[in-house]
């Protein structure tokens, strides 16, 4: 009876692992390919009759195989998605020194201008002269939720 339960549980692990891989293939980004691979490996070991939960040999074999499978899965995932970059957050504090484009005329000491820096629109002012629409600017500093810019010549 114990063999039948182990066999059924092994097949259940394989099916759940396959479902994880299918979900990851259809909608990448859940990062469930590694757990899916681990479940498949554990399921295969149980189907082969290796009791991974009660013998030291089975436990060691399961750990070694799952670590190896995880490494291979991560390596394959990186080969499939080589251009995946970590998300970056742009805040006003990280804009200093970056260049942008004036969208709405920037006037000295008045928060009336709009500039596009790093793909986002920011309220801006200048400390020098009027900066017309279409001019290139560089961020000098940030103040509150606004930035101070100067024209790039």
Protein backbone atom coordinates (compact mmCIF):
# COMPACT_ATOMS: atom_id res chain seq x y z
CA UNK A 1 0.00 0.00 0.00
CA UNK A 2 2.88 2.37 0.84
CA UNK A 3 4.38 1.76 -2.62
CA UNK A 4 1.10 2.67 -4.30
CA UNK A 5 0.85 5.91 -2.28
CA UNK A 6 4.46 6.78 -3.09
CA UNK A 7 3.85 6.08 -6.77
CA UNK A 8 0.66 8.18 -6.83
CA UNK A 9 2.35 11.02 -4.91
CA UNK A 10 5.31 10.86 -7.31
CA UNK A 11 3.02 11.23 -10.32
CA UNK A 12 1.20 14.07 -8.58
CA UNK A 13 4.50 15.90 -8.06
CA UNK A 14 5.42 15.38 -11.72
CA UNK A 15 2.07 16.75 -12.91
CA UNK A 16 2.22 19.79 -10.61
CA UNK A 17 5.82 20.44 -11.69
CA UNK A 18 4.80 20.25 -15.35
CA UNK A 19 1.94 22.69 -14.68
CA UNK A 20 4.43 25.10 -13.10
CA UNK A 21 6.64 24.89 -16.19
CA UNK A 22 3.66 25.44 -18.52
CA UNK A 23 2.53 28.48 -16.52
CA UNK A 24 6.07 29.90 -16.64
CA UNK A 25 6.28 29.26 -20.40
CA UNK A 26 2.93 30.93 -21.10
CA UNK A 27 3.41 33.88 -18.76
CA UNK A 28 7.10 34.40 -17.93
CA UNK A 29 7.99 36.24 -14.78
CA UNK A 30 6.40 34.09 -12.09
CA UNK A 31 9.80 32.42 -11.51
CA UNK A 32 8.20 29.05 -10.86
CA UNK A 33 10.34 27.13 -13.35
CA UNK A 34 12.84 26.15 -10.64
CA UNK A 35 10.20 24.84 -8.18
CA UNK A 36 8.53 23.08 -11.11
CA UNK A 37 11.79 21.36 -12.02
CA UNK A 38 12.40 20.37 -8.40
CA UNK A 39 8.91 18.86 -8.14
CA UNK A 40 9.46 16.88 -11.34
CA UNK A 41 12.79 15.50 -10.06
CA UNK A 42 11.27 14.53 -6.70
CA UNK A 43 8.32 12.94 -8.48
CA UNK A 44 10.59 10.92 -10.76
CA UNK A 45 12.58 9.67 -7.77
CA UNK A 46 9.37 8.57 -6.04
CA UNK A 47 8.07 6.85 -9.20
CA UNK A 48 11.40 5.00 -9.49
CA UNK A 49 10.88 3.70 -5.96
CA UNK A 50 13.50 5.80 -4.17
CA UNK A 51 11.94 6.90 -0.90
CA UNK A 52 13.36 10.39 -0.64
CA UNK A 53 11.57 11.19 2.61
CA UNK A 54 12.61 8.35 4.88
CA UNK A 55 16.09 7.14 3.93
CA UNK A 56 19.30 9.15 4.24
CA UNK A 57 20.42 7.97 0.78
CA UNK A 58 17.15 9.13 -0.79
CA UNK A 59 17.33 12.48 0.94
CA UNK A 60 20.94 13.11 -0.14
CA UNK A 61 20.17 12.01 -3.70
CA UNK A 62 17.10 14.25 -3.80
CA UNK A 63 19.03 17.28 -2.55
CA UNK A 64 21.88 16.77 -5.03
CA UNK A 65 19.54 16.24 -7.98
CA UNK A 66 17.32 19.19 -7.11
CA UNK A 67 20.28 21.54 -6.71
CA UNK A 68 21.70 20.36 -10.04
CA UNK A 69 18.29 20.68 -11.73
CA UNK A 70 17.82 24.15 -10.27
CA UNK A 71 21.18 25.32 -11.57
CA UNK A 72 20.47 23.92 -15.03
CA UNK A 73 16.98 25.46 -15.06
CA UNK A 74 18.31 28.89 -14.08
CA UNK A 75 21.04 28.63 -16.73
CA UNK A 76 18.49 27.71 -19.42
CA UNK A 77 16.15 30.48 -18.28
CA UNK A 78 18.95 33.04 -18.62
CA UNK A 79 19.78 31.73 -22.11
CA UNK A 80 16.15 32.01 -23.17
CA UNK A 81 15.76 35.56 -21.77
CA UNK A 82 19.23 37.14 -22.11
CA UNK A 83 18.03 40.77 -22.24
CA UNK A 84 16.05 40.63 -19.03
CA UNK A 85 17.18 43.54 -16.91
CA UNK A 86 16.35 44.32 -13.33
CA UNK A 87 13.72 46.98 -13.05
CA UNK A 88 15.05 50.43 -12.29
CA UNK A 89 13.31 53.18 -10.44
CA UNK A 90 13.81 56.78 -11.43
CA UNK A 91 13.43 59.28 -8.63
CA UNK A 92 14.12 62.99 -8.60
CA UNK A 93 17.25 62.35 -6.52
CA UNK A 94 18.75 60.09 -9.20
CA UNK A 95 18.25 62.66 -12.00
CA UNK A 96 21.12 64.98 -11.12
CA UNK A 97 23.48 65.26 -14.10
CA UNK A 98 21.05 63.62 -16.55
CA UNK A 99 20.01 65.39 -19.73
CA UNK A 100 16.50 65.96 -21.02
CA UNK A 101 14.31 67.96 -23.37
CA UNK A 102 12.16 71.01 -22.58
CA UNK A 103 8.44 70.39 -23.26
CA UNK A 104 7.05 73.64 -21.78
CA UNK A 105 9.15 76.83 -21.57
CA UNK A 106 11.25 76.96 -18.39
CA UNK A 107 11.37 80.34 -16.64
CA UNK A 108 13.85 81.38 -13.92
CA UNK A 109 12.64 80.94 -10.35
CA UNK A 110 9.07 80.04 -11.42
CA UNK A 111 7.79 76.46 -11.52
CA UNK A 112 6.16 76.73 -14.91
CA UNK A 113 8.32 74.52 -17.09
CA UNK A 114 8.10 70.86 -17.99
CA UNK A 115 11.03 68.73 -19.08
CA UNK A 116 11.32 65.09 -20.11
CA UNK A 117 14.21 63.32 -18.40
CA UNK A 118 14.72 59.53 -18.40
CA UNK A 119 11.41 59.04 -20.20
CA UNK A 120 9.38 60.89 -17.55
CA UNK A 121 7.97 64.41 -17.41
CA UNK A 122 9.08 66.63 -14.54
CA UNK A 123 8.12 70.11 -13.31
CA UNK A 124 11.17 72.28 -13.66
CA UNK A 125 12.58 75.74 -13.18
CA UNK A 126 15.88 77.33 -14.06
CA UNK A 127 18.19 79.60 -12.08
CA UNK A 128 19.48 81.33 -15.20
CA UNK A 129 17.49 82.58 -18.19
CA UNK A 130 14.39 81.44 -20.02
CA UNK A 131 14.86 78.05 -21.71
CA UNK A 132 12.66 77.62 -24.81
CA UNK A 133 10.72 74.51 -25.85
CA UNK A 134 12.89 71.92 -27.62
CA UNK A 135 16.11 72.88 -25.85
CA UNK A 136 18.38 70.29 -24.27
CA UNK A 137 18.82 70.69 -20.53
CA UNK A 138 20.83 69.11 -17.73
CA UNK A 139 19.44 68.53 -14.25
CA UNK A 140 21.36 70.60 -11.68
CA UNK A 141 19.49 69.56 -8.53
CA UNK A 142 16.12 68.53 -7.18
CA UNK A 143 13.89 70.46 -4.80
CA UNK A 144 10.89 68.71 -3.34
CA UNK A 145 9.04 67.16 -6.28
CA UNK A 146 10.59 69.56 -8.80
CA UNK A 147 13.94 69.77 -10.55
CA UNK A 148 16.23 72.67 -11.39
CA UNK A 149 17.73 72.58 -14.90
CA UNK A 150 20.22 74.50 -16.99
CA UNK A 151 20.42 74.70 -20.75
CA UNK A 152 23.05 72.54 -22.48
CA UNK A 153 24.84 74.58 -25.11
